C-alpha cells in the first residue's frame, strides 16, 4: 500500500536514476553505501546516532499521540484502510503538537508542520536524512527539494528545517508504522556508492541558487 511518503521516495528514486545513479530500496542501513533515509520524526530511532553527529536530537521519540488513528503494527488490511479513510477530528481539543527538533547552536524547533533535511558526510559515506511530521509536510518538503529551494530554510551547510504548515494547526492522522521506513541505497553505474565520488545531490540540496 502506498502513501505520500512512499510515493515521494519513489519520485526521488526516479530523479536519481535519471541522473545516472543506481538506487535500491532496503530496510537496513549498511555501513558502506551512501543512503537516503525517509521517515516520520517518530521513526527516527534508526538514524539517531547519525543525527547526533550533526548535533540534532529529535525530542519526544517515546511519545505517542493519543488522538492519532494509527493502527497497531500488526493491523489487518481492513484496519489499515479504515485508518486511511478515517475523518480527521476537527475540534480544538483534538489538535496536538508532539515533540521538538533540537539543533545544537540553534535551539529547539517545532516538529509540527516541519520537514528536516540533514546531510551527513563522514568516513567516506554520505547519508541524507529526511524526516517529516505528516503526509502533507512530507509532500511539501519534497517539493522544496525538487525545486531546489532548501536554501530558504537552511540552518547550516548540512541542515535545513522547512516549516510548511502551522505547527499549532490540525495534524491529520497518518500511518506512522515501522513498515513505512524506507532507505534508498545510492550507487553509480560501477556499483560503487556514487555520492562518495560526486556530491552533486548534496550540492543541489543545500547550495543556494545564484542569479
N, C-alpha and C. Protein backbone atom coordinates (compact mmCIF):
# COMPACT_ATOMS: atom_id res chain seq x y z
N UNK A 1 0.85 -1.19 0.00
CA UNK A 1 0.00 0.00 0.00
C UNK A 1 0.88 1.24 0.00
N UNK A 2 0.59 2.17 -0.88
CA UNK A 2 1.39 3.38 -0.99
C UNK A 2 0.75 4.50 -0.19
N UNK A 3 1.58 5.38 0.36
CA UNK A 3 1.10 6.62 0.95
C UNK A 3 1.98 7.73 0.41
N UNK A 4 1.76 8.96 0.87
CA UNK A 4 2.51 10.09 0.30
C UNK A 4 4.00 9.95 0.54
N UNK A 5 4.38 9.38 1.69
CA UNK A 5 5.80 9.26 2.00
C UNK A 5 6.49 8.32 1.01
N UNK A 6 5.89 7.17 0.77
CA UNK A 6 6.50 6.22 -0.15
C UNK A 6 6.45 6.74 -1.58
N UNK A 7 5.35 7.40 -1.93
CA UNK A 7 5.25 7.98 -3.28
C UNK A 7 6.39 8.94 -3.55
N UNK A 8 6.68 9.81 -2.58
CA UNK A 8 7.76 10.78 -2.77
C UNK A 8 9.12 10.11 -2.79
N UNK A 9 9.27 9.02 -2.05
CA UNK A 9 10.52 8.26 -2.11
C UNK A 9 10.73 7.69 -3.51
N UNK A 10 9.66 7.23 -4.12
CA UNK A 10 9.75 6.70 -5.48
C UNK A 10 10.13 7.82 -6.45
N UNK A 11 9.55 9.02 -6.25
CA UNK A 11 9.90 10.15 -7.11
C UNK A 11 11.38 10.50 -6.98
N UNK A 12 11.89 10.44 -5.74
CA UNK A 12 13.30 10.73 -5.52
C UNK A 12 14.16 9.66 -6.19
N UNK A 13 13.74 8.41 -6.08
CA UNK A 13 14.45 7.32 -6.73
C UNK A 13 14.51 7.55 -8.25
N UNK A 14 13.37 7.92 -8.83
CA UNK A 14 13.33 8.17 -10.27
C UNK A 14 14.24 9.34 -10.65
N UNK A 15 14.24 10.39 -9.82
CA UNK A 15 15.09 11.55 -10.09
C UNK A 15 16.56 11.15 -10.10
N UNK A 16 16.97 10.36 -9.12
CA UNK A 16 18.37 9.95 -9.03
C UNK A 16 18.75 9.05 -10.20
N UNK A 17 17.84 8.16 -10.57
CA UNK A 17 18.15 7.26 -11.68
C UNK A 17 18.26 8.02 -13.00
N UNK A 18 17.50 9.10 -13.15
CA UNK A 18 17.64 9.94 -14.35
C UNK A 18 19.00 10.63 -14.39
N UNK A 19 19.60 10.78 -13.21
CA UNK A 19 20.93 11.37 -13.11
C UNK A 19 22.01 10.30 -12.99
N UNK A 20 21.71 9.12 -13.55
CA UNK A 20 22.66 8.02 -13.67
C UNK A 20 23.15 7.50 -12.33
N UNK A 21 22.22 7.39 -11.38
CA UNK A 21 22.52 6.77 -10.10
C UNK A 21 21.70 5.49 -9.99
N UNK A 22 22.30 4.46 -9.43
CA UNK A 22 21.59 3.21 -9.19
C UNK A 22 21.03 3.25 -7.78
N UNK A 23 19.72 3.06 -7.65
CA UNK A 23 19.05 3.21 -6.37
C UNK A 23 18.23 1.97 -6.07
N UNK A 24 18.31 1.50 -4.84
CA UNK A 24 17.50 0.36 -4.41
C UNK A 24 16.87 0.67 -3.06
N UNK A 25 15.71 0.06 -2.81
CA UNK A 25 15.07 0.18 -1.51
C UNK A 25 15.57 -0.94 -0.60
N UNK A 26 15.74 -0.62 0.66
CA UNK A 26 16.16 -1.61 1.63
C UNK A 26 15.60 -1.25 2.99
N UNK A 27 15.53 -2.23 3.88
CA UNK A 27 15.02 -2.00 5.23
C UNK A 27 16.15 -1.73 6.23
N UNK A 28 17.40 -1.82 5.77
CA UNK A 28 18.53 -1.66 6.68
C UNK A 28 19.51 -0.62 6.14
N UNK A 29 20.19 0.04 7.06
CA UNK A 29 21.23 1.00 6.70
C UNK A 29 22.57 0.30 6.80
N UNK A 30 23.23 0.12 5.67
CA UNK A 30 24.53 -0.54 5.67
C UNK A 30 25.63 0.40 6.11
N UNK A 31 26.81 -0.16 6.30
CA UNK A 31 27.94 0.63 6.79
C UNK A 31 28.76 1.24 5.67
N UNK A 32 28.48 0.87 4.43
CA UNK A 32 29.33 1.32 3.33
C UNK A 32 28.60 2.21 2.32
N UNK A 33 27.44 1.81 1.86
CA UNK A 33 26.77 2.55 0.79
C UNK A 33 26.25 3.90 1.26
N UNK A 34 26.20 4.85 0.33
CA UNK A 34 25.50 6.11 0.58
C UNK A 34 24.02 5.80 0.72
N UNK A 35 23.35 6.52 1.61
CA UNK A 35 21.94 6.23 1.87
C UNK A 35 21.12 7.51 1.94
N UNK A 36 19.84 7.37 1.66
CA UNK A 36 18.84 8.41 1.90
C UNK A 36 17.75 7.76 2.74
N UNK A 37 17.58 8.25 3.96
CA UNK A 37 16.58 7.70 4.87
C UNK A 37 15.37 8.63 4.86
N UNK A 38 14.20 8.08 4.57
CA UNK A 38 12.96 8.86 4.54
C UNK A 38 12.00 8.30 5.57
N UNK A 39 11.55 9.13 6.48
CA UNK A 39 10.64 8.65 7.51
C UNK A 39 9.95 9.78 8.23
N UNK A 40 9.12 9.44 9.21
CA UNK A 40 8.50 10.41 10.08
C UNK A 40 9.43 10.70 11.25
N UNK A 41 9.18 11.80 11.96
CA UNK A 41 10.01 12.13 13.11
C UNK A 41 9.97 11.01 14.16
N UNK A 42 8.81 10.39 14.33
CA UNK A 42 8.71 9.34 15.34
C UNK A 42 9.29 8.01 14.86
N UNK A 43 9.90 8.01 13.68
CA UNK A 43 10.60 6.82 13.18
C UNK A 43 12.11 7.05 13.14
N UNK A 44 12.59 8.07 13.84
CA UNK A 44 13.98 8.49 13.71
C UNK A 44 14.96 7.64 14.51
N UNK A 45 14.47 6.71 15.28
CA UNK A 45 15.37 5.94 16.14
C UNK A 45 16.52 5.26 15.38
N UNK A 46 16.29 4.67 14.19
CA UNK A 46 17.40 4.01 13.47
C UNK A 46 18.51 4.95 13.03
N UNK A 47 18.21 6.26 12.95
CA UNK A 47 19.22 7.21 12.46
C UNK A 47 19.60 8.24 13.53
N UNK A 48 19.24 7.99 14.78
CA UNK A 48 19.50 8.99 15.82
C UNK A 48 21.00 9.21 16.04
N UNK A 49 21.81 8.17 15.85
CA UNK A 49 23.26 8.33 16.01
C UNK A 49 23.84 9.19 14.89
N UNK A 50 23.32 9.01 13.68
CA UNK A 50 23.76 9.85 12.55
C UNK A 50 23.35 11.29 12.79
N UNK A 51 22.12 11.50 13.26
CA UNK A 51 21.65 12.84 13.57
C UNK A 51 22.50 13.49 14.65
N UNK A 52 22.89 12.68 15.65
CA UNK A 52 23.68 13.20 16.77
C UNK A 52 25.02 13.75 16.29
N UNK A 53 25.58 13.16 15.23
CA UNK A 53 26.85 13.66 14.69
C UNK A 53 26.71 15.10 14.20
N UNK A 54 25.50 15.47 13.81
CA UNK A 54 25.25 16.84 13.36
C UNK A 54 24.67 17.72 14.45
N UNK A 55 24.66 17.22 15.69
CA UNK A 55 24.12 17.99 16.79
C UNK A 55 22.61 18.08 16.77
N UNK A 56 21.95 17.08 16.19
CA UNK A 56 20.49 17.07 16.07
C UNK A 56 19.90 15.99 16.96
N UNK A 57 18.91 16.37 17.75
CA UNK A 57 18.18 15.42 18.58
C UNK A 57 16.69 15.59 18.32
N UNK A 58 16.01 14.48 18.05
CA UNK A 58 14.56 14.52 17.88
C UNK A 58 13.95 14.22 19.24
N UNK A 59 13.37 15.24 19.86
CA UNK A 59 12.78 15.08 21.19
C UNK A 59 11.38 14.48 21.07
N UNK A 60 11.02 13.70 22.08
CA UNK A 60 9.68 13.12 22.11
C UNK A 60 9.54 11.85 21.31
N UNK A 61 10.65 11.14 21.06
CA UNK A 61 10.55 9.90 20.29
C UNK A 61 9.75 8.83 21.01
N UNK A 62 9.67 8.95 22.36
CA UNK A 62 8.94 7.96 23.13
C UNK A 62 7.49 8.37 23.35
N UNK A 63 7.07 9.51 22.77
CA UNK A 63 5.70 9.96 22.93
C UNK A 63 4.83 9.37 21.83
N UNK A 64 3.59 9.09 22.17
CA UNK A 64 2.62 8.59 21.19
C UNK A 64 1.39 9.48 21.26
N UNK A 65 0.96 9.98 20.14
CA UNK A 65 -0.21 10.83 20.10
C UNK A 65 -1.48 10.00 20.30
N UNK A 66 -2.20 10.29 21.38
CA UNK A 66 -3.38 9.52 21.70
C UNK A 66 -4.54 9.81 20.76
N UNK A 67 -4.48 10.92 20.03
CA UNK A 67 -5.56 11.28 19.12
C UNK A 67 -5.36 10.70 17.72
N UNK A 68 -4.21 10.03 17.51
CA UNK A 68 -3.93 9.51 16.18
C UNK A 68 -4.78 8.30 15.88
N UNK A 69 -5.17 8.12 14.61
CA UNK A 69 -5.89 6.93 14.17
C UNK A 69 -4.94 5.85 13.71
N UNK A 70 -3.69 5.93 14.10
CA UNK A 70 -2.69 4.95 13.66
C UNK A 70 -3.06 3.56 14.14
N UNK A 71 -3.10 2.57 13.24
CA UNK A 71 -3.39 1.21 13.64
C UNK A 71 -2.17 0.56 14.27
N UNK A 72 -2.35 -0.53 15.03
CA UNK A 72 -1.20 -1.23 15.58
C UNK A 72 -0.35 -1.82 14.48
N UNK A 73 0.90 -2.18 14.83
CA UNK A 73 1.85 -2.68 13.82
C UNK A 73 1.35 -3.94 13.13
N UNK A 74 0.53 -4.74 13.86
CA UNK A 74 0.03 -5.99 13.28
C UNK A 74 -1.39 -5.84 12.75
N UNK A 75 -1.77 -4.62 12.37
CA UNK A 75 -3.13 -4.35 11.90
C UNK A 75 -3.42 -5.11 10.61
N UNK A 76 -4.69 -5.51 10.47
CA UNK A 76 -5.12 -6.18 9.25
C UNK A 76 -5.26 -5.16 8.13
N UNK A 77 -5.30 -5.61 6.87
CA UNK A 77 -5.50 -4.66 5.76
C UNK A 77 -6.76 -3.82 5.93
N UNK A 78 -7.83 -4.43 6.50
CA UNK A 78 -9.07 -3.68 6.71
C UNK A 78 -8.87 -2.57 7.73
N UNK A 79 -8.10 -2.84 8.80
CA UNK A 79 -7.84 -1.82 9.82
C UNK A 79 -6.97 -0.71 9.27
N UNK A 80 -6.00 -1.07 8.43
CA UNK A 80 -5.13 -0.07 7.81
C UNK A 80 -5.95 0.85 6.92
N UNK A 81 -6.83 0.26 6.10
CA UNK A 81 -7.65 1.08 5.20
C UNK A 81 -8.59 1.98 5.98
N UNK A 82 -9.13 1.46 7.11
CA UNK A 82 -10.03 2.27 7.92
C UNK A 82 -9.32 3.48 8.49
N UNK A 83 -8.04 3.30 8.88
CA UNK A 83 -7.27 4.42 9.40
C UNK A 83 -7.00 5.45 8.31
N UNK A 84 -6.75 4.97 7.09
CA UNK A 84 -6.51 5.89 5.98
C UNK A 84 -7.76 6.68 5.63
N UNK A 85 -8.93 6.02 5.73
CA UNK A 85 -10.17 6.65 5.31
C UNK A 85 -10.83 7.45 6.41
N UNK A 86 -10.34 7.32 7.64
CA UNK A 86 -10.98 7.98 8.77
C UNK A 86 -10.93 9.49 8.67
N UNK A 87 -11.96 10.14 9.19
CA UNK A 87 -12.01 11.60 9.20
C UNK A 87 -11.11 12.15 10.28
N UNK A 88 -10.42 13.25 10.00
CA UNK A 88 -9.59 13.92 10.99
C UNK A 88 -10.47 14.68 11.96
N UNK A 89 -10.31 14.50 13.28
CA UNK A 89 -11.11 15.25 14.24
C UNK A 89 -10.91 16.75 14.03
N UNK A 90 -12.01 17.51 14.18
CA UNK A 90 -11.94 18.93 13.90
C UNK A 90 -12.02 19.81 15.13
N UNK A 91 -12.30 19.24 16.31
CA UNK A 91 -12.46 20.06 17.50
C UNK A 91 -11.11 20.55 18.01
N UNK A 92 -11.14 21.67 18.72
CA UNK A 92 -9.91 22.30 19.20
C UNK A 92 -9.12 21.37 20.10
N UNK A 93 -9.84 20.60 20.96
CA UNK A 93 -9.12 19.74 21.90
C UNK A 93 -8.41 18.59 21.21
N UNK A 94 -8.74 18.33 19.95
CA UNK A 94 -8.10 17.24 19.23
C UNK A 94 -6.85 17.69 18.49
N UNK A 95 -6.53 19.00 18.58
CA UNK A 95 -5.30 19.48 17.96
C UNK A 95 -4.13 19.15 18.86
N UNK A 96 -3.00 18.86 18.26
CA UNK A 96 -1.87 18.44 19.08
C UNK A 96 -0.56 18.77 18.40
N UNK A 97 0.45 18.93 19.21
CA UNK A 97 1.82 19.07 18.74
C UNK A 97 2.65 18.10 19.56
N UNK A 98 3.43 17.28 18.94
CA UNK A 98 4.23 16.30 19.66
C UNK A 98 5.70 16.49 19.33
N UNK A 99 6.50 16.80 20.36
CA UNK A 99 7.94 16.80 20.20
C UNK A 99 8.52 18.02 19.52
N UNK A 100 9.85 18.11 19.61
CA UNK A 100 10.60 19.21 19.01
C UNK A 100 11.88 18.68 18.38
N UNK A 101 12.50 19.55 17.60
CA UNK A 101 13.79 19.24 16.99
C UNK A 101 14.83 20.12 17.69
N UNK A 102 15.80 19.52 18.34
CA UNK A 102 16.85 20.29 18.99
C UNK A 102 18.08 20.28 18.09
N UNK A 103 18.53 21.47 17.71
CA UNK A 103 19.70 21.62 16.86
C UNK A 103 20.75 22.40 17.63
N UNK A 104 21.90 21.77 17.84
CA UNK A 104 22.97 22.39 18.60
C UNK A 104 23.38 23.72 17.97
N UNK A 105 23.45 24.75 18.80
CA UNK A 105 23.83 26.06 18.31
C UNK A 105 22.69 26.87 17.74
N UNK A 106 21.51 26.24 17.64
CA UNK A 106 20.33 26.93 17.10
C UNK A 106 19.23 27.01 18.14
N UNK A 107 18.91 25.87 18.75
CA UNK A 107 17.84 25.82 19.74
C UNK A 107 16.86 24.72 19.40
N UNK A 108 15.63 24.85 19.90
CA UNK A 108 14.60 23.86 19.68
C UNK A 108 13.55 24.41 18.72
N UNK A 109 13.18 23.59 17.74
CA UNK A 109 12.20 23.97 16.73
C UNK A 109 11.02 23.01 16.79
N UNK A 110 9.86 23.49 16.36
CA UNK A 110 8.67 22.65 16.34
C UNK A 110 8.80 21.53 15.31
N UNK A 111 8.45 20.31 15.72
CA UNK A 111 8.30 19.23 14.75
C UNK A 111 7.01 19.39 13.97
N UNK A 112 5.99 19.91 14.63
CA UNK A 112 4.69 20.08 13.98
C UNK A 112 4.79 20.97 12.75
N UNK A 113 4.35 20.46 11.61
CA UNK A 113 4.35 21.23 10.38
C UNK A 113 5.68 21.32 9.67
N UNK A 114 6.67 20.54 10.10
CA UNK A 114 8.04 20.70 9.59
C UNK A 114 8.56 19.45 8.89
N UNK A 115 9.59 19.67 8.07
CA UNK A 115 10.39 18.59 7.48
C UNK A 115 11.86 18.92 7.70
N UNK A 116 12.60 17.94 8.19
CA UNK A 116 14.03 18.10 8.45
C UNK A 116 14.84 17.43 7.35
N UNK A 117 15.83 18.14 6.84
CA UNK A 117 16.81 17.57 5.91
C UNK A 117 18.18 17.68 6.57
N UNK A 118 18.88 16.56 6.68
CA UNK A 118 20.24 16.59 7.25
C UNK A 118 21.16 15.75 6.38
N UNK A 119 22.25 16.36 5.92
CA UNK A 119 23.24 15.66 5.10
C UNK A 119 24.48 15.39 5.95
N UNK A 120 24.76 14.12 6.20
CA UNK A 120 25.93 13.71 6.97
C UNK A 120 26.97 13.14 6.02
N UNK A 121 28.16 13.70 6.07
CA UNK A 121 29.27 13.22 5.24
C UNK A 121 30.43 12.86 6.17
N UNK A 122 30.64 11.57 6.37
CA UNK A 122 31.70 11.13 7.27
C UNK A 122 32.16 9.74 6.87
N UNK A 123 33.44 9.48 7.13
CA UNK A 123 34.03 8.17 6.87
C UNK A 123 33.79 7.71 5.43
N UNK A 124 33.85 8.66 4.49
CA UNK A 124 33.72 8.31 3.09
C UNK A 124 32.33 7.96 2.63
N UNK A 125 31.32 8.25 3.48
CA UNK A 125 29.95 7.91 3.12
C UNK A 125 29.05 9.13 3.30
N UNK A 126 28.03 9.24 2.45
CA UNK A 126 27.05 10.31 2.54
C UNK A 126 25.71 9.73 2.96
N UNK A 127 25.08 10.37 3.93
CA UNK A 127 23.76 9.95 4.38
C UNK A 127 22.85 11.17 4.43
N UNK A 128 21.78 11.14 3.65
CA UNK A 128 20.79 12.22 3.67
C UNK A 128 19.58 11.73 4.45
N UNK A 129 19.27 12.41 5.55
CA UNK A 129 18.14 12.05 6.40
C UNK A 129 17.00 13.03 6.13
N UNK A 130 15.83 12.51 5.80
CA UNK A 130 14.65 13.33 5.56
C UNK A 130 13.55 12.85 6.51
N UNK A 131 13.19 13.70 7.46
CA UNK A 131 12.16 13.35 8.44
C UNK A 131 11.05 14.39 8.37
N UNK A 132 9.81 13.92 8.34
CA UNK A 132 8.68 14.84 8.23
C UNK A 132 7.66 14.57 9.33
N UNK A 133 6.73 15.51 9.46
CA UNK A 133 5.72 15.45 10.50
C UNK A 133 4.48 14.70 10.05
N UNK A 134 3.98 15.00 8.87
CA UNK A 134 2.75 14.43 8.35
C UNK A 134 2.90 14.17 6.85
N UNK A 135 1.94 13.47 6.24
CA UNK A 135 1.99 13.31 4.79
C UNK A 135 2.06 14.64 4.05
N UNK A 136 1.34 15.64 4.53
CA UNK A 136 1.32 16.94 3.87
C UNK A 136 2.68 17.62 3.95
N UNK A 137 3.28 17.65 5.15
CA UNK A 137 4.59 18.30 5.27
C UNK A 137 5.65 17.51 4.51
N UNK A 138 5.50 16.19 4.46
CA UNK A 138 6.42 15.37 3.68
C UNK A 138 6.36 15.76 2.21
N UNK A 139 5.15 15.90 1.69
CA UNK A 139 4.98 16.29 0.29
C UNK A 139 5.53 17.70 0.04
N UNK A 140 5.25 18.62 0.98
CA UNK A 140 5.76 19.99 0.85
C UNK A 140 7.29 20.00 0.83
N UNK A 141 7.89 19.22 1.74
CA UNK A 141 9.35 19.18 1.83
C UNK A 141 9.98 18.65 0.56
N UNK A 142 9.39 17.60 -0.01
CA UNK A 142 9.92 17.05 -1.25
C UNK A 142 9.76 18.03 -2.40
N UNK A 143 8.66 18.80 -2.40
CA UNK A 143 8.50 19.82 -3.43
C UNK A 143 9.65 20.83 -3.36
N UNK A 144 10.00 21.24 -2.14
CA UNK A 144 11.10 22.20 -1.98
C UNK A 144 12.42 21.59 -2.42
N UNK A 145 12.60 20.30 -2.14
CA UNK A 145 13.83 19.61 -2.55
C UNK A 145 13.94 19.58 -4.07
N UNK A 146 12.88 19.16 -4.74
CA UNK A 146 12.91 19.05 -6.20
C UNK A 146 13.01 20.41 -6.88
N UNK A 147 12.50 21.45 -6.22
CA UNK A 147 12.55 22.81 -6.78
C UNK A 147 13.82 23.56 -6.36
N UNK A 148 14.72 22.85 -5.66
CA UNK A 148 15.99 23.43 -5.23
C UNK A 148 15.78 24.69 -4.38
N UNK A 149 14.86 24.59 -3.40
CA UNK A 149 14.52 25.73 -2.56
C UNK A 149 14.89 25.53 -1.09
N UNK A 150 15.71 24.54 -0.78
CA UNK A 150 16.03 24.29 0.62
C UNK A 150 16.84 25.41 1.25
N UNK A 151 17.48 26.23 0.43
CA UNK A 151 18.22 27.37 0.98
C UNK A 151 17.31 28.31 1.74
N UNK A 152 16.00 28.29 1.44
CA UNK A 152 15.05 29.17 2.11
C UNK A 152 14.89 28.81 3.59
N UNK A 153 15.20 27.58 3.95
CA UNK A 153 15.02 27.15 5.34
C UNK A 153 16.28 26.47 5.87
N UNK A 154 17.42 26.81 5.32
CA UNK A 154 18.69 26.20 5.71
C UNK A 154 19.20 26.81 7.00
N UNK A 155 19.58 25.96 7.95
CA UNK A 155 20.17 26.41 9.20
C UNK A 155 21.69 26.39 9.15
N UNK A 156 22.24 25.51 8.32
CA UNK A 156 23.69 25.40 8.15
C UNK A 156 23.93 24.76 6.79
N UNK A 157 25.20 24.50 6.48
CA UNK A 157 25.51 23.87 5.20
C UNK A 157 24.88 22.48 5.07
N UNK A 158 24.59 21.84 6.21
CA UNK A 158 24.12 20.46 6.17
C UNK A 158 22.72 20.26 6.72
N UNK A 159 22.11 21.30 7.28
CA UNK A 159 20.82 21.15 7.96
C UNK A 159 19.81 22.16 7.42
N UNK A 160 18.62 21.67 7.11
CA UNK A 160 17.50 22.55 6.75
C UNK A 160 16.26 22.05 7.48
N UNK A 161 15.52 22.96 8.07
CA UNK A 161 14.23 22.63 8.69
C UNK A 161 13.19 23.52 8.03
N UNK A 162 12.32 22.90 7.24
CA UNK A 162 11.34 23.65 6.45
C UNK A 162 9.97 23.56 7.12
N UNK A 163 9.50 24.68 7.62
CA UNK A 163 8.19 24.76 8.27
C UNK A 163 7.17 25.16 7.20
N UNK A 164 6.40 24.20 6.72
CA UNK A 164 5.47 24.48 5.63
C UNK A 164 4.02 24.47 6.07
N UNK A 165 3.76 24.05 7.31
CA UNK A 165 2.41 24.06 7.86
C UNK A 165 2.45 24.70 9.24
N UNK A 166 1.33 25.26 9.70
CA UNK A 166 1.28 25.85 11.02
C UNK A 166 1.46 24.77 12.08
N UNK A 167 2.44 24.91 12.99
CA UNK A 167 2.69 23.87 13.99
C UNK A 167 1.53 23.67 14.94
N UNK A 168 0.70 24.69 15.14
CA UNK A 168 -0.42 24.56 16.06
C UNK A 168 -1.71 24.17 15.37
N UNK A 169 -1.65 23.91 14.07
CA UNK A 169 -2.86 23.60 13.32
C UNK A 169 -3.24 22.15 13.41
N UNK A 170 -4.32 21.80 12.73
CA UNK A 170 -4.80 20.43 12.73
C UNK A 170 -3.79 19.51 12.06
N UNK A 171 -3.41 18.46 12.75
CA UNK A 171 -2.48 17.50 12.18
C UNK A 171 -3.28 16.25 11.79
N UNK A 172 -3.34 15.90 10.52
CA UNK A 172 -4.15 14.76 10.09
C UNK A 172 -3.55 13.45 10.56
N UNK A 173 -4.40 12.45 10.80
CA UNK A 173 -3.88 11.14 11.19
C UNK A 173 -3.07 10.55 10.04
N UNK A 174 -2.07 9.76 10.38
CA UNK A 174 -1.27 9.12 9.34
C UNK A 174 -0.83 7.75 9.83
N UNK A 175 -0.44 6.93 8.90
CA UNK A 175 0.06 5.61 9.26
C UNK A 175 1.54 5.72 9.55
N UNK A 176 1.87 5.89 10.83
CA UNK A 176 3.27 6.07 11.20
C UNK A 176 3.81 4.76 11.77
N UNK A 177 3.75 3.70 10.99
CA UNK A 177 4.22 2.40 11.44
C UNK A 177 5.60 2.13 10.89
N UNK A 178 6.27 1.16 11.45
CA UNK A 178 7.65 0.87 11.06
C UNK A 178 7.75 0.45 9.60
N UNK A 179 6.65 -0.05 9.05
CA UNK A 179 6.72 -0.54 7.67
C UNK A 179 6.95 0.57 6.68
N UNK A 180 6.72 1.86 7.07
CA UNK A 180 6.87 2.97 6.14
C UNK A 180 8.34 3.33 5.96
N UNK A 181 9.18 3.03 6.95
CA UNK A 181 10.59 3.39 6.84
C UNK A 181 11.19 2.84 5.56
N UNK A 182 11.82 3.70 4.79
CA UNK A 182 12.48 3.27 3.56
C UNK A 182 13.85 3.91 3.48
N UNK A 183 14.81 3.15 3.05
CA UNK A 183 16.16 3.65 2.87
C UNK A 183 16.53 3.47 1.41
N UNK A 184 17.01 4.51 0.78
CA UNK A 184 17.50 4.42 -0.59
C UNK A 184 19.00 4.25 -0.56
N UNK A 185 19.50 3.21 -1.20
CA UNK A 185 20.94 3.00 -1.32
C UNK A 185 21.35 3.50 -2.69
N UNK A 186 22.25 4.46 -2.72
CA UNK A 186 22.61 5.15 -3.96
C UNK A 186 23.99 4.71 -4.41
N UNK A 187 24.08 4.29 -5.67
CA UNK A 187 25.37 3.86 -6.22
C UNK A 187 25.49 4.32 -7.65
N UNK A 188 26.72 4.39 -8.15
CA UNK A 188 26.96 4.75 -9.54
C UNK A 188 26.84 3.54 -10.44
N UNK A 189 27.09 3.75 -11.72
CA UNK A 189 26.97 2.65 -12.68
C UNK A 189 27.94 1.52 -12.40
N UNK A 190 29.04 1.85 -11.72
CA UNK A 190 30.03 0.82 -11.42
C UNK A 190 29.61 -0.05 -10.26
N UNK A 191 28.50 0.33 -9.58
CA UNK A 191 28.08 -0.42 -8.42
C UNK A 191 28.61 0.16 -7.14
N UNK A 192 29.55 1.11 -7.24
CA UNK A 192 30.10 1.76 -6.05
C UNK A 192 29.23 2.94 -5.69
N UNK A 193 29.18 3.31 -4.40
CA UNK A 193 28.39 4.47 -4.00
C UNK A 193 28.80 5.70 -4.79
N UNK A 194 27.82 6.35 -5.42
CA UNK A 194 28.13 7.45 -6.32
C UNK A 194 28.35 8.76 -5.61
N UNK A 195 27.64 9.01 -4.51
CA UNK A 195 27.77 10.29 -3.85
C UNK A 195 29.13 10.45 -3.19
N UNK A 196 29.78 9.33 -2.91
CA UNK A 196 31.13 9.40 -2.37
C UNK A 196 32.07 9.99 -3.41
N UNK A 197 31.79 9.66 -4.66
CA UNK A 197 32.63 10.14 -5.75
C UNK A 197 32.23 11.55 -6.16
N UNK A 198 30.94 11.83 -6.11
CA UNK A 198 30.43 13.15 -6.51
C UNK A 198 29.29 13.54 -5.62
N UNK A 199 29.38 14.71 -4.99
CA UNK A 199 28.34 15.18 -4.10
C UNK A 199 27.36 16.08 -4.84
N UNK A 200 27.01 15.69 -6.07
CA UNK A 200 26.12 16.50 -6.89
C UNK A 200 24.78 16.71 -6.21
N UNK A 201 24.22 15.61 -5.65
CA UNK A 201 22.95 15.74 -4.96
C UNK A 201 23.10 16.63 -3.74
N UNK A 202 24.21 16.47 -3.03
CA UNK A 202 24.44 17.28 -1.84
C UNK A 202 24.51 18.75 -2.21
N UNK A 203 25.22 19.06 -3.28
CA UNK A 203 25.32 20.46 -3.70
C UNK A 203 23.97 20.98 -4.15
N UNK A 204 23.23 20.17 -4.87
CA UNK A 204 21.91 20.59 -5.34
C UNK A 204 20.98 20.80 -4.16
N UNK A 205 21.15 19.97 -3.13
CA UNK A 205 20.25 20.02 -1.99
C UNK A 205 20.48 21.24 -1.13
N UNK A 206 21.73 21.60 -0.87
CA UNK A 206 22.00 22.60 0.15
C UNK A 206 22.62 23.90 -0.34
N UNK A 207 23.13 23.94 -1.56
CA UNK A 207 23.71 25.20 -2.04
C UNK A 207 22.63 26.19 -2.41
N UNK A 208 22.89 27.44 -2.16
CA UNK A 208 21.94 28.49 -2.54
C UNK A 208 21.94 28.65 -4.06
N UNK A 209 20.79 29.00 -4.58
CA UNK A 209 20.72 29.29 -6.00
C UNK A 209 21.32 30.67 -6.25
N UNK A 210 21.97 30.79 -7.37
CA UNK A 210 22.56 32.08 -7.72
C UNK A 210 21.90 32.61 -8.97
N UNK A 211 21.94 33.95 -9.14
CA UNK A 211 21.37 34.54 -10.34
C UNK A 211 19.86 34.65 -10.27
